[in-house]
Amino acid sequence: MAIQQVPHCPNSKCKMHHLQKPIKFYNKKGYFPTKWNHRPVPRYQCKTCKANFSVSTFKDIYWQKKPYLNELMFKEICSGISLRRFAKNHKCHKRTAQRKFNFVAQIARRLHKQELEDPQILTKSKKVLYDDMEWFIISSKRQVSIGLAVY
């Protein structure tokens, strides 16, 4: 099992919540199995405030019951599958599929924002493609032209 780093105490009132450099502020407190893959996840307890937590507390998938569907959702939505078909294929409720879609969209937005804030984004791209798209709204009399630039 790989050792995972615990960044800080999850209790916002604890003085170990705002750590500048990583120190061992916790004690190991056993394990618990996850419901979806039954792997043991280590538990910890803060030495200062006695709060119990695990490495999963600091992950995006915290409280998710089916995190293995996230990657499948991303791949299948990108290939054009509907949410109802995804739910049917993976035997989950359509509300679960909607929540997975929202979660994956949120992660994609955050990664896209990080990429755009990268100062070397222009040096990474070698080509810029420009194209025009014509679209008709309701009737042929309402024409819209959209310019697209992809780099």
Protein backbone atom coordinates (compact mmCIF):
# COMPACT_ATOMS: atom_id res chain seq x y z
CA MET A 1 0.00 0.00 0.00
CA ALA A 2 1.38 3.41 -0.95
CA ILE A 3 1.93 5.95 1.81
CA GLN A 4 -0.21 9.01 1.25
CA GLN A 5 0.51 12.47 2.60
CA VAL A 6 -1.92 14.09 5.04
CA PRO A 7 -1.72 17.86 4.41
CA HIS A 8 -3.36 19.29 7.55
CA CYS A 9 -5.99 18.74 10.20
CA PRO A 10 -9.52 19.01 8.73
CA ASN A 11 -10.81 20.79 11.84
CA SER A 12 -10.74 24.53 10.97
CA LYS A 13 -10.53 25.49 14.68
CA CYS A 14 -7.37 23.39 15.26
CA LYS A 15 -3.97 25.10 15.20
CA MET A 16 -2.70 22.32 12.91
CA HIS A 17 -5.24 23.30 10.25
CA HIS A 18 -3.01 26.07 8.84
CA LEU A 19 0.33 24.26 8.55
CA GLN A 20 3.08 25.95 6.57
CA LYS A 21 5.39 22.93 6.36
CA PRO A 22 4.43 19.27 6.67
CA ILE A 23 4.97 17.79 10.14
CA LYS A 24 3.59 14.66 11.75
CA PHE A 25 0.71 16.09 13.77
CA TYR A 26 -1.34 12.89 13.79
CA ASN A 27 -1.36 9.30 15.10
CA LYS A 28 -2.52 6.26 13.14
CA LYS A 29 -5.92 5.08 14.33
CA GLY A 30 -6.66 1.88 12.35
CA TYR A 31 -8.29 1.26 8.97
CA PHE A 32 -11.73 1.15 7.36
CA PRO A 33 -12.76 -0.63 4.14
CA THR A 34 -14.32 1.32 1.29
CA LYS A 35 -17.75 0.10 0.19
CA TRP A 36 -16.99 0.10 -3.52
CA ASN A 37 -13.67 -1.81 -3.68
CA HIS A 38 -13.22 -3.01 -0.05
CA ARG A 39 -9.64 -1.75 0.17
CA PRO A 40 -8.41 -0.61 3.57
CA VAL A 41 -8.01 3.13 4.00
CA PRO A 42 -5.91 4.28 6.99
CA ARG A 43 -7.51 6.44 9.68
CA TYR A 44 -5.69 9.15 11.61
CA GLN A 45 -6.28 11.23 14.73
CA CYS A 46 -4.95 14.74 15.27
CA LYS A 47 -2.71 14.96 18.35
CA THR A 48 -3.97 18.47 19.17
CA CYS A 49 -7.75 18.42 18.75
CA LYS A 50 -8.34 14.62 18.61
CA ALA A 51 -10.30 14.89 15.33
CA ASN A 52 -10.51 11.64 13.34
CA PHE A 53 -9.96 11.71 9.57
CA SER A 54 -8.49 9.77 6.66
CA VAL A 55 -6.65 10.57 3.46
CA SER A 56 -10.00 10.39 1.65
CA THR A 57 -11.14 13.48 3.58
CA PHE A 58 -8.91 15.66 1.37
CA LYS A 59 -9.89 14.12 -1.99
CA ASP A 60 -12.52 15.30 -4.48
CA ILE A 61 -14.28 11.94 -4.26
CA TYR A 62 -14.96 12.32 -0.53
CA TRP A 63 -18.45 10.93 0.28
CA GLN A 64 -18.92 9.42 -3.18
CA LYS A 65 -20.33 5.89 -3.11
CA LYS A 66 -19.37 5.02 -6.69
CA PRO A 67 -16.20 6.94 -7.58
CA TYR A 68 -15.23 4.34 -10.20
CA LEU A 69 -18.01 5.76 -12.41
CA ASN A 70 -16.29 9.16 -12.72
CA GLU A 71 -13.74 8.09 -15.33
CA LEU A 72 -16.33 6.04 -17.21
CA MET A 73 -18.65 9.05 -17.24
CA PHE A 74 -15.95 11.28 -18.72
CA LYS A 75 -15.07 8.82 -21.48
CA GLU A 76 -18.64 7.99 -22.42
CA ILE A 77 -19.97 11.56 -22.32
CA CYS A 78 -17.10 12.62 -24.60
CA SER A 79 -18.13 9.88 -27.02
CA GLY A 80 -21.71 11.19 -27.11
CA ILE A 81 -23.68 8.82 -24.86
CA SER A 82 -26.77 10.18 -23.11
CA LEU A 83 -27.15 10.26 -19.33
CA ARG A 84 -30.08 7.86 -19.45
CA ARG A 85 -28.08 5.35 -21.52
CA PHE A 86 -25.11 5.72 -19.15
CA ALA A 87 -27.36 4.98 -16.17
CA LYS A 88 -28.85 1.96 -17.89
CA ASN A 89 -25.47 0.56 -19.01
CA HIS A 90 -23.90 0.90 -15.56
CA LYS A 91 -26.99 -0.04 -13.53
CA CYS A 92 -27.24 3.16 -11.57
CA HIS A 93 -30.03 5.69 -11.09
CA LYS A 94 -30.31 8.51 -13.60
CA ARG A 95 -29.91 10.97 -10.70
CA THR A 96 -26.54 9.34 -9.96
CA ALA A 97 -25.58 9.77 -13.61
CA GLN A 98 -26.55 13.47 -13.44
CA ARG A 99 -24.45 13.97 -10.29
CA LYS A 100 -21.48 12.21 -11.88
CA PHE A 101 -21.85 14.43 -14.94
CA ASN A 102 -21.87 17.56 -12.76
CA PHE A 103 -18.83 16.33 -10.83
CA VAL A 104 -16.84 15.53 -13.99
CA ALA A 105 -17.83 18.91 -15.50
CA GLN A 106 -16.61 20.71 -12.37
CA ILE A 107 -13.25 18.91 -12.52
CA ALA A 108 -12.94 19.68 -16.25
CA ARG A 109 -13.66 23.38 -15.62
CA ARG A 110 -11.01 23.54 -12.91
CA LEU A 111 -8.39 21.80 -15.11
CA HIS A 112 -9.25 24.05 -18.05
CA LYS A 113 -8.86 27.15 -15.88
CA GLN A 114 -5.45 25.92 -14.68
CA GLU A 115 -4.36 25.36 -18.28
CA LEU A 116 -5.47 28.84 -19.33
CA GLU A 117 -3.63 30.44 -16.40
CA ASP A 118 -0.40 28.70 -17.42
CA PRO A 119 1.95 31.43 -18.72
CA GLN A 120 3.62 29.05 -21.18
CA ILE A 121 0.41 28.01 -22.93
CA LEU A 122 1.34 29.92 -26.07
CA THR A 123 4.76 28.27 -26.28
CA LYS A 124 3.18 24.82 -25.89
CA SER A 125 0.90 25.22 -28.89
CA LYS A 126 2.47 24.99 -32.32
CA LYS A 127 -0.61 25.50 -34.52
CA VAL A 128 -3.61 27.78 -34.45
CA LEU A 129 -6.63 26.74 -36.49
CA TYR A 130 -9.32 29.23 -37.40
CA ASP A 131 -12.70 28.28 -38.80
CA ASP A 132 -16.11 29.83 -39.35
CA MET A 133 -19.34 28.11 -38.47
CA GLU A 134 -22.73 29.07 -39.91
CA TRP A 135 -25.84 28.21 -37.96
CA PHE A 136 -29.53 28.87 -38.48
CA ILE A 137 -31.78 29.68 -35.53
CA ILE A 138 -35.40 28.54 -35.98
CA SER A 139 -35.55 29.49 -39.66
CA SER A 140 -33.22 30.20 -42.54
CA LYS A 141 -33.78 33.94 -42.05
CA ARG A 142 -31.95 34.00 -38.70
CA GLN A 143 -28.40 33.15 -39.61
CA VAL A 144 -25.60 33.23 -37.04
CA SER A 145 -21.91 33.16 -37.87
CA ILE A 146 -19.50 31.93 -35.19
CA GLY A 147 -15.75 32.33 -35.44
CA LEU A 148 -13.67 29.58 -33.81
CA ALA A 149 -9.97 29.63 -33.00
CA VAL A 150 -8.39 26.40 -31.74
CA TYR A 151 -4.79 26.26 -30.65
